Amino acid sequence: MMRIALGLEYDGRPFTGWQTQPGGTGVQDALERALAQFVGAPVSTICAGRTDTGVHATYQVVHIDPTVDRPLQAWVRGVNRYLPQTVAVRWSRVVPDDFHARFSARARQYDYWLLNDPVRPARLAGRVGWVFRSLDAAAMQAGAGALLGTHDFSSFRAAECQAATPVREVQALAIERHGRLIRVRIRANAFLHHMVRNIVGALVYVGVGRHPPSWIAEVLNARDRAVAAPTFSAAGLVLSHVQYDPTPDFPAPDDEPVL
């Protein structure tokens, strides 16, 4: 049978992250239940990035090796019939047998959306981080420059992180204001546990004037989680793209996800 890649979108609020859980509360559990109902047999899934509890995705990539043949579009409409409203398959593609959603990925991109407003979110609750003090996006961008390139990111690594090395390559990091919203977009070859949320926490400290932009470099060079800012909320974090080389015939990501 052909190997199939699926592009997923999900609201992370009802789930305990991507990975399957004993209680069936992971996004992976919901997807595999839907696939089993659609196919009539168990189907294992491999994803590009294991998002944490409460983290969202607009471009999660999953590969499957189904034992039945179905029209390509049926993997979208048919599977979505059995998924909860908070998860949807957006597209499906046939991929080579050696394609691997995780190990073939060359870069992953996350967006973190901050609501910068004196009043807490209501409609966007659980979908954005919130900062009530005015944020200086230019100062945040100035500080972010120190994180570009290949570094030891121990200062931005969760204590429970199980990665073999804290060294990662940040390929792009951009801060943009969109009215009351600020988007922190970061692309790297891979991420440590809570790395994006810890970086956002440090950038917020700079944005509110608690530290100058140069402080980000000091935190990075310290290689000590204790000197950094607290981990920011998972609410505003979105897996927004996964890049592969060679590039498969996958749809381009939405540059401006609807919040």
C-alpha atoms as a PDB file:
ATOM      1  CA  MET A   1       0.000   0.000   0.000  1.00  0.00           C
ATOM      2  CA  MET A   2       1.030   3.622  -0.527  1.00  0.00           C
ATOM      3  CA  ARG A   3       2.379   5.805   2.254  1.00  0.00           C
ATOM      4  CA  ILE A   4       0.072   8.780   2.830  1.00  0.00           C
ATOM      5  CA  ALA A   5       0.890  12.154   4.385  1.00  0.00           C
ATOM      6  CA  LEU A   6      -1.898  14.079   6.109  1.00  0.00           C
ATOM      7  CA  GLY A   7      -1.913  17.767   7.023  1.00  0.00           C
ATOM      8  CA  LEU A   8      -3.705  18.406  10.324  1.00  0.00           C
ATOM      9  CA  GLU A   9      -5.155  21.427  12.042  1.00  0.00           C
ATOM     10  CA  TYR A  10      -6.255  21.302  15.655  1.00  0.00           C
ATOM     11  CA  ASP A  11      -7.265  23.300  18.676  1.00  0.00           C
ATOM     12  CA  GLY A  12      -5.006  22.075  21.463  1.00  0.00           C
ATOM     13  CA  ARG A  13      -7.242  23.112  24.348  1.00  0.00           C
ATOM     14  CA  PRO A  14      -9.163  19.820  24.796  1.00  0.00           C
ATOM     15  CA  PHE A  15      -6.055  17.644  24.487  1.00  0.00           C
ATOM     16  CA  THR A  16      -3.072  16.631  26.597  1.00  0.00           C
ATOM     17  CA  GLY A  17      -0.733  17.287  23.687  1.00  0.00           C
ATOM     18  CA  TRP A  18      -0.146  15.258  20.545  1.00  0.00           C
ATOM     19  CA  GLN A  19       1.103  11.991  21.978  1.00  0.00           C
ATOM     20  CA  THR A  20      -1.189   9.092  22.817  1.00  0.00           C
ATOM     21  CA  GLN A  21      -2.174   8.792  26.488  1.00  0.00           C
ATOM     22  CA  PRO A  22      -3.564   5.918  28.575  1.00  0.00           C
ATOM     23  CA  GLY A  23      -6.839   7.799  28.873  1.00  0.00           C
ATOM     24  CA  GLY A  24      -7.018   8.479  25.135  1.00  0.00           C
ATOM     25  CA  THR A  25      -6.710  12.256  25.576  1.00  0.00           C
ATOM     26  CA  GLY A  26      -3.987  13.004  23.003  1.00  0.00           C
ATOM     27  CA  VAL A  27      -4.557  14.369  19.505  1.00  0.00           C
ATOM     28  CA  GLN A  28      -2.921  11.172  18.261  1.00  0.00           C
ATOM     29  CA  ASP A  29      -5.605   9.157  20.053  1.00  0.00           C
ATOM     30  CA  ALA A  30      -8.404  11.119  18.382  1.00  0.00           C
ATOM     31  CA  LEU A  31      -6.799  10.741  14.951  1.00  0.00           C
ATOM     32  CA  GLU A  32      -6.098   7.017  15.305  1.00  0.00           C
ATOM     33  CA  ARG A  33      -9.656   6.374  16.511  1.00  0.00           C
ATOM     34  CA  ALA A  34     -11.006   8.202  13.456  1.00  0.00           C
ATOM     35  CA  LEU A  35      -8.664   6.349  11.092  1.00  0.00           C
ATOM     36  CA  ALA A  36      -9.657   2.994  12.585  1.00  0.00           C
ATOM     37  CA  GLN A  37     -13.340   3.792  12.090  1.00  0.00           C
ATOM     38  CA  PHE A  38     -12.753   4.961   8.527  1.00  0.00           C
ATOM     39  CA  VAL A  39     -10.484   2.052   7.508  1.00  0.00           C
ATOM     40  CA  GLY A  40     -11.984  -0.674   9.673  1.00  0.00           C
ATOM     41  CA  ALA A  41      -8.612  -1.617  11.162  1.00  0.00           C
ATOM     42  CA  PRO A  42      -5.976   0.006  13.415  1.00  0.00           C
ATOM     43  CA  VAL A  43      -3.735   2.602  11.724  1.00  0.00           C
ATOM     44  CA  SER A  44      -0.549   3.881  13.375  1.00  0.00           C
ATOM     45  CA  THR A  45       0.501   7.511  12.954  1.00  0.00           C
ATOM     46  CA  ILE A  46       3.836   9.350  13.013  1.00  0.00           C
ATOM     47  CA  CYS A  47       3.835  13.135  13.377  1.00  0.00           C
ATOM     48  CA  ALA A  48       6.333  15.879  12.537  1.00  0.00           C
ATOM     49  CA  GLY A  49       6.302  17.468  15.991  1.00  0.00           C
ATOM     50  CA  ARG A  50       4.897  16.342  19.350  1.00  0.00           C
ATOM     51  CA  THR A  51       3.036  19.417  20.544  1.00  0.00           C
ATOM     52  CA  ASP A  52       2.422  19.854  24.287  1.00  0.00           C
ATOM     53  CA  THR A  53      -0.810  20.196  26.245  1.00  0.00           C
ATOM     54  CA  GLY A  54      -2.836  23.176  25.040  1.00  0.00           C
ATOM     55  CA  VAL A  55      -0.627  23.839  21.995  1.00  0.00           C
ATOM     56  CA  HIS A  56      -2.373  24.264  18.651  1.00  0.00           C
ATOM     57  CA  ALA A  57      -1.457  23.393  15.069  1.00  0.00           C
ATOM     58  CA  THR A  58      -2.369  24.704  11.640  1.00  0.00           C
ATOM     59  CA  TYR A  59       0.224  22.566   9.820  1.00  0.00           C
ATOM     60  CA  GLN A  60       0.940  19.326  11.640  1.00  0.00           C
ATOM     61  CA  VAL A  61       2.194  16.658   9.219  1.00  0.00           C
ATOM     62  CA  VAL A  62       1.455  12.973   9.852  1.00  0.00           C
ATOM     63  CA  HIS A  63       2.302   9.912   7.788  1.00  0.00           C
ATOM     64  CA  ILE A  64       0.407   6.623   7.746  1.00  0.00           C
ATOM     65  CA  ASP A  65       0.818   3.244   6.024  1.00  0.00           C
ATOM     66  CA  PRO A  66      -2.786   2.113   5.516  1.00  0.00           C
ATOM     67  CA  THR A  67      -3.570  -1.465   4.584  1.00  0.00           C
ATOM     68  CA  VAL A  68      -6.489  -0.458   2.369  1.00  0.00           C
ATOM     69  CA  ASP A  69      -6.746   1.595  -0.789  1.00  0.00           C
ATOM     70  CA  ARG A  70      -8.931   4.693  -0.742  1.00  0.00           C
ATOM     71  CA  PRO A  71      -9.240   7.689  -3.116  1.00  0.00           C
ATOM     72  CA  LEU A  72      -6.822  10.381  -1.977  1.00  0.00           C
ATOM     73  CA  GLN A  73      -9.520  12.927  -1.141  1.00  0.00           C
ATOM     74  CA  ALA A  74     -11.296  10.314   0.992  1.00  0.00           C
ATOM     75  CA  TRP A  75      -8.472  10.572   3.534  1.00  0.00           C
ATOM     76  CA  VAL A  76      -9.686  14.132   4.137  1.00  0.00           C
ATOM     77  CA  ARG A  77     -13.465  13.898   3.999  1.00  0.00           C
ATOM     78  CA  GLY A  78     -13.766  10.331   5.254  1.00  0.00           C
ATOM     79  CA  VAL A  79     -11.462  10.731   8.265  1.00  0.00           C
ATOM     80  CA  ASN A  80     -12.942  14.116   9.191  1.00  0.00           C
ATOM     81  CA  ARG A  81     -16.328  12.452   9.511  1.00  0.00           C
ATOM     82  CA  TYR A  82     -15.051  10.642  12.626  1.00  0.00           C
ATOM     83  CA  LEU A  83     -12.882  13.385  14.132  1.00  0.00           C
ATOM     84  CA  PRO A  84     -14.039  15.755  16.878  1.00  0.00           C
ATOM     85  CA  GLN A  85     -14.746  19.325  15.801  1.00  0.00           C
ATOM     86  CA  THR A  86     -11.431  20.474  17.276  1.00  0.00           C
ATOM     87  CA  VAL A  87      -9.363  18.397  14.800  1.00  0.00           C
ATOM     88  CA  ALA A  88      -9.463  18.366  10.995  1.00  0.00           C
ATOM     89  CA  VAL A  89      -7.449  16.794   8.205  1.00  0.00           C
ATOM     90  CA  ARG A  90      -6.779  19.666   5.792  1.00  0.00           C
ATOM     91  CA  TRP A  91      -5.056  17.765   2.956  1.00  0.00           C
ATOM     92  CA  SER A  92      -3.643  14.390   1.936  1.00  0.00           C
ATOM     93  CA  ARG A  93      -0.792  13.434  -0.380  1.00  0.00           C
ATOM     94  CA  VAL A  94       0.868  10.246  -1.582  1.00  0.00           C
ATOM     95  CA  VAL A  95       4.540  10.304  -0.525  1.00  0.00           C
ATOM     96  CA  PRO A  96       7.534   8.030  -1.219  1.00  0.00           C
ATOM     97  CA  ASP A  97       8.004   5.000   1.012  1.00  0.00           C
ATOM     98  CA  ASP A  98      11.097   6.570   2.568  1.00  0.00           C
ATOM     99  CA  PHE A  99       9.277   9.771   3.584  1.00  0.00           C
ATOM    100  CA  HIS A 100       9.088  10.137   7.363  1.00  0.00           C
ATOM    101  CA  ALA A 101       6.982  12.904   8.904  1.00  0.00           C
ATOM    102  CA  ARG A 102       9.467  13.419  11.720  1.00  0.00           C
ATOM    103  CA  PHE A 103      12.898  12.372  10.471  1.00  0.00           C
ATOM    104  CA  SER A 104      12.538  13.817   6.954  1.00  0.00           C
ATOM    105  CA  ALA A 105      11.694  17.264   8.381  1.00  0.00           C
ATOM    106  CA  ARG A 106      14.436  19.871   7.991  1.00  0.00           C
ATOM    107  CA  ALA A 107      12.767  22.675   9.926  1.00  0.00           C
ATOM    108  CA  ARG A 108       9.706  23.389  12.009  1.00  0.00           C
ATOM    109  CA  GLN A 109       8.027  26.758  12.444  1.00  0.00           C
ATOM    110  CA  TYR A 110       6.000  27.923  15.414  1.00  0.00           C
ATOM    111  CA  ASP A 111       3.982  31.097  15.806  1.00  0.00           C
ATOM    112  CA  TYR A 112       3.263  32.517  19.220  1.00  0.00           C
ATOM    113  CA  TRP A 113       0.358  34.979  19.317  1.00  0.00           C
ATOM    114  CA  LEU A 114       0.296  37.576  22.100  1.00  0.00           C
ATOM    115  CA  LEU A 115      -2.693  39.769  22.860  1.00  0.00           C
ATOM    116  CA  ASN A 116      -1.237  43.097  23.974  1.00  0.00           C
ATOM    117  CA  ASP A 117      -4.209  44.787  25.570  1.00  0.00           C
ATOM    118  CA  PRO A 118      -5.124  46.148  29.013  1.00  0.00           C
ATOM    119  CA  VAL A 119      -8.118  43.780  29.159  1.00  0.00           C
ATOM    120  CA  ARG A 120      -7.824  39.991  29.246  1.00  0.00           C
ATOM    121  CA  PRO A 121      -9.069  38.036  26.211  1.00  0.00           C
ATOM    122  CA  ALA A 122     -12.560  36.591  26.058  1.00  0.00           C
ATOM    123  CA  ARG A 123     -13.207  35.362  22.506  1.00  0.00           C
ATOM    124  CA  LEU A 124      -9.501  34.519  22.142  1.00  0.00           C
ATOM    125  CA  ALA A 125      -9.121  32.942  25.582  1.00  0.00           C
ATOM    126  CA  GLY A 126      -6.980  29.826  25.308  1.00  0.00           C
ATOM    127  CA  ARG A 127      -5.776  30.839  21.845  1.00  0.00           C
ATOM    128  CA  VAL A 128      -3.436  33.721  22.680  1.00  0.00           C
ATOM    129  CA  GLY A 129      -1.001  34.676  25.397  1.00  0.00           C
ATOM    130  CA  TRP A 130      -1.870  37.905  27.181  1.00  0.00           C
ATOM    131  CA  VAL A 131       0.316  40.856  28.195  1.00  0.00           C
ATOM    132  CA  PHE A 132      -1.512  43.863  29.630  1.00  0.00           C
ATOM    133  CA  ARG A 133       1.525  46.167  29.701  1.00  0.00           C
ATOM    134  CA  SER A 134       2.523  47.850  26.445  1.00  0.00           C
ATOM    135  CA  LEU A 135       5.053  45.799  24.483  1.00  0.00           C
ATOM    136  CA  ASP A 136       7.866  47.325  22.433  1.00  0.00           C
ATOM    137  CA  ALA A 137       8.029  44.985  19.427  1.00  0.00           C
ATOM    138  CA  ALA A 138      11.177  46.694  18.084  1.00  0.00           C
ATOM    139  CA  ALA A 139      13.048  46.058  21.342  1.00  0.00           C
ATOM    140  CA  MET A 140      11.888  42.442  21.287  1.00  0.00           C
ATOM    141  CA  GLN A 141      13.188  42.045  17.731  1.00  0.00           C
ATOM    142  CA  ALA A 142      16.524  43.598  18.699  1.00  0.00           C
ATOM    143  CA  GLY A 143      16.930  41.099  21.515  1.00  0.00           C
ATOM    144  CA  ALA A 144      15.817  38.193  19.351  1.00  0.00           C
ATOM    145  CA  GLY A 145      18.782  38.662  17.041  1.00  0.00           C
ATOM    146  CA  ALA A 146      21.091  37.067  19.604  1.00  0.00           C
ATOM    147  CA  LEU A 147      19.217  33.774  19.256  1.00  0.00           C
ATOM    148  CA  LEU A 148      19.765  33.341  15.519  1.00  0.00           C
ATOM    149  CA  GLY A 149      22.199  30.630  14.499  1.00  0.00           C
ATOM    150  CA  THR A 150      23.434  27.496  16.224  1.00  0.00           C
ATOM    151  CA  HIS A 151      23.679  27.751  20.015  1.00  0.00           C
ATOM    152  CA  ASP A 152      23.415  25.860  23.271  1.00  0.00           C
ATOM    153  CA  PHE A 153      19.845  26.708  24.352  1.00  0.00           C
ATOM    154  CA  SER A 154      20.104  25.305  27.884  1.00  0.00           C
ATOM    155  CA  SER A 155      18.736  28.585  29.293  1.00  0.00           C
ATOM    156  CA  PHE A 156      15.522  28.008  27.337  1.00  0.00           C
ATOM    157  CA  ARG A 157      15.185  24.288  28.006  1.00  0.00           C
ATOM    158  CA  ALA A 158      12.629  22.720  30.361  1.00  0.00           C
ATOM    159  CA  ALA A 159      14.064  20.720  33.262  1.00  0.00           C
ATOM    160  CA  GLU A 160      12.239  17.599  32.068  1.00  0.00           C
ATOM    161  CA  CYS A 161      13.560  17.894  28.486  1.00  0.00           C
ATOM    162  CA  GLN A 162      14.923  14.539  27.290  1.00  0.00           C
ATOM    163  CA  ALA A 163      16.796  15.756  24.196  1.00  0.00           C
ATOM    164  CA  ALA A 164      20.301  14.334  23.877  1.00  0.00           C
ATOM    165  CA  THR A 165      21.796  17.788  23.274  1.00  0.00           C
ATOM    166  CA  PRO A 166      20.673  21.377  23.971  1.00  0.00           C
ATOM    167  CA  VAL A 167      22.234  22.617  20.715  1.00  0.00           C
ATOM    168  CA  ARG A 168      19.738  23.842  18.129  1.00  0.00           C
ATOM    169  CA  GLU A 169      19.842  26.040  15.028  1.00  0.00           C
ATOM    170  CA  VAL A 170      17.381  28.930  14.984  1.00  0.00           C
ATOM    171  CA  GLN A 171      17.000  29.877  11.336  1.00  0.00           C
ATOM    172  CA  ALA A 172      14.569  32.776  11.655  1.00  0.00           C
ATOM    173  CA  LEU A 173      12.927  34.743  14.465  1.00  0.00           C
ATOM    174  CA  ALA A 174      10.603  37.615  13.651  1.00  0.00           C
ATOM    175  CA  ILE A 175       8.341  39.745  15.844  1.00  0.00           C
ATOM    176  CA  GLU A 176       5.477  41.552  14.110  1.00  0.00           C
ATOM    177  CA  ARG A 177       2.648  43.660  15.479  1.00  0.00           C
ATOM    178  CA  HIS A 178      -0.822  43.186  14.006  1.00  0.00           C
ATOM    179  CA  GLY A 179      -2.940  45.742  15.836  1.00  0.00           C
ATOM    180  CA  ARG A 180      -3.469  44.453  19.378  1.00  0.00           C
ATOM    181  CA  LEU A 181      -1.768  41.171  18.461  1.00  0.00           C
ATOM    182  CA  ILE A 182       1.941  40.466  18.312  1.00  0.00           C
ATOM    183  CA  ARG A 183       3.212  37.398  16.493  1.00  0.00           C
ATOM    184  CA  VAL A 184       6.526  35.813  17.437  1.00  0.00           C
ATOM    185  CA  ARG A 185       7.471  33.515  14.552  1.00  0.00           C
ATOM    186  CA  ILE A 186      10.427  31.179  15.046  1.00  0.00           C
ATOM    187  CA  ARG A 187      11.859  28.557  12.720  1.00  0.00           C
ATOM    188  CA  ALA A 188      14.513  26.039  13.770  1.00  0.00           C
ATOM    189  CA  ASN A 189      15.861  22.668  12.745  1.00  0.00           C
ATOM    190  CA  ALA A 190      14.323  21.284  15.954  1.00  0.00           C
ATOM    191  CA  PHE A 191      13.136  22.522  19.338  1.00  0.00           C
ATOM    192  CA  LEU A 192      13.791  21.634  22.946  1.00  0.00           C
ATOM    193  CA  HIS A 193      10.946  21.044  25.392  1.00  0.00           C
ATOM    194  CA  HIS A 194       9.253  24.415  26.115  1.00  0.00           C
ATOM    195  CA  MET A 195      11.963  26.213  24.104  1.00  0.00           C
ATOM    196  CA  VAL A 196       9.576  28.511  22.231  1.00  0.00           C
ATOM    197  CA  ARG A 197       7.523  29.365  25.314  1.00  0.00           C
ATOM    198  CA  ASN A 198      10.699  30.124  27.287  1.00  0.00           C
ATOM    199  CA  ILE A 199      12.008  32.354  24.502  1.00  0.00           C
ATOM    200  CA  VAL A 200       8.675  34.188  24.381  1.00  0.00           C
ATOM    201  CA  GLY A 201       8.814  34.720  28.144  1.00  0.00           C
ATOM    202  CA  ALA A 202      12.268  36.302  27.838  1.00  0.00           C
ATOM    203  CA  LEU A 203      11.211  38.489  24.917  1.00  0.00           C
ATOM    204  CA  VAL A 204       8.178  39.709  26.875  1.00  0.00           C
ATOM    205  CA  TYR A 205      10.505  40.795  29.698  1.00  0.00           C
ATOM    206  CA  VAL A 206      12.380  42.887  27.129  1.00  0.00           C
ATOM    207  CA  GLY A 207       9.172  44.142  25.522  1.00  0.00           C
ATOM    208  CA  VAL A 208       7.784  45.545  28.780  1.00  0.00           C
ATOM    209  CA  GLY A 209      11.120  47.190  29.612  1.00  0.00           C
ATOM    210  CA  ARG A 210      12.134  44.933  32.469  1.00  0.00           C
ATOM    211  CA  HIS A 211      15.439  44.212  30.713  1.00  0.00           C
ATOM    212  CA  PRO A 212      17.277  45.749  27.712  1.00  0.00           C
ATOM    213  CA  PRO A 213      17.529  43.809  24.443  1.00  0.00           C
ATOM    214  CA  SER A 214      21.143  42.863  25.275  1.00  0.00           C
ATOM    215  CA  TRP A 215      19.828  40.765  28.189  1.00  0.00           C
ATOM    216  CA  ILE A 216      18.698  38.028  25.771  1.00  0.00           C
ATOM    217  CA  ALA A 217      22.325  37.363  24.793  1.00  0.00           C
ATOM    218  CA  GLU A 218      23.316  37.265  28.472  1.00  0.00           C
ATOM    219  CA  VAL A 219      20.634  34.669  29.185  1.00  0.00           C
ATOM    220  CA  LEU A 220      21.654  32.569  26.190  1.00  0.00           C
ATOM    221  CA  ASN A 221      25.338  32.630  27.121  1.00  0.00           C
ATOM    222  CA  ALA A 222      24.632  31.729  30.757  1.00  0.00           C
ATOM    223  CA  ARG A 223      23.329  28.289  29.678  1.00  0.00           C
ATOM    224  CA  ASP A 224      21.315  28.271  32.889  1.00  0.00           C
ATOM    225  CA  ARG A 225      17.518  28.048  32.966  1.00  0.00           C
ATOM    226  CA  ALA A 226      17.462  29.786  36.366  1.00  0.00           C
ATOM    227  CA  VAL A 227      18.562  33.136  34.894  1.00  0.00           C
ATOM    228  CA  ALA A 228      15.769  33.303  32.310  1.00  0.00           C
ATOM    229  CA  ALA A 229      12.134  34.409  32.463  1.00  0.00           C
ATOM    230  CA  PRO A 230       9.304  32.054  33.481  1.00  0.00           C
ATOM    231  CA  THR A 231       7.782  29.750  30.884  1.00  0.00           C
ATOM    232  CA  PHE A 232       4.990  31.525  29.048  1.00  0.00           C
ATOM    233  CA  SER A 233       1.486  30.092  28.650  1.00  0.00           C
ATOM    234  CA  ALA A 234       0.876  27.401  26.024  1.00  0.00           C
ATOM    235  CA  ALA A 235      -2.287  29.206  24.906  1.00  0.00           C
ATOM    236  CA  GLY A 236      -0.796  31.243  22.054  1.00  0.00           C
ATOM    237  CA  LEU A 237       1.536  28.610  20.586  1.00  0.00           C
ATOM    238  CA  VAL A 238       0.812  27.191  17.124  1.00  0.00           C
ATOM    239  CA  LEU A 239       2.783  24.730  14.995  1.00  0.00           C
ATOM    240  CA  SER A 240       2.423  26.633  11.715  1.00  0.00           C
ATOM    241  CA  HIS A 241       4.706  24.898   9.209  1.00  0.00           C
ATOM    242  CA  VAL A 242       7.051  21.954   8.655  1.00  0.00           C
ATOM    243  CA  GLN A 243       9.704  22.076   5.936  1.00  0.00           C
ATOM    244  CA  TYR A 244      11.088  19.065   4.108  1.00  0.00           C
ATOM    245  CA  ASP A 245      13.978  18.521   1.710  1.00  0.00           C
ATOM    246  CA  PRO A 246      13.342  17.599  -0.998  1.00  0.00           C
ATOM    247  CA  THR A 247      10.098  19.544  -0.809  1.00  0.00           C
ATOM    248  CA  PRO A 248       7.033  17.310  -1.295  1.00  0.00           C
ATOM    249  CA  ASP A 249       3.963  18.537  -3.118  1.00  0.00           C
ATOM    250  CA  PHE A 250       2.367  19.855   0.047  1.00  0.00           C
ATOM    251  CA  PRO A 251       0.110  22.939   0.201  1.00  0.00           C
ATOM    252  CA  ALA A 252       1.715  26.192   1.295  1.00  0.00           C
ATOM    253  CA  PRO A 253       0.904  27.227   4.876  1.00  0.00           C
ATOM    254  CA  ASP A 254      -1.507  30.046   5.637  1.00  0.00           C
ATOM    255  CA  ASP A 255       0.631  33.058   6.470  1.00  0.00           C
ATOM    256  CA  GLU A 256      -2.055  34.645   8.627  1.00  0.00           C
ATOM    257  CA  PRO A 257      -4.007  31.992  10.552  1.00  0.00           C
ATOM    258  CA  VAL A 258      -7.483  33.076  11.567  1.00  0.00           C
ATOM    259  CA  LEU A 259      -7.630  33.447  15.341  1.00  0.00           C
END
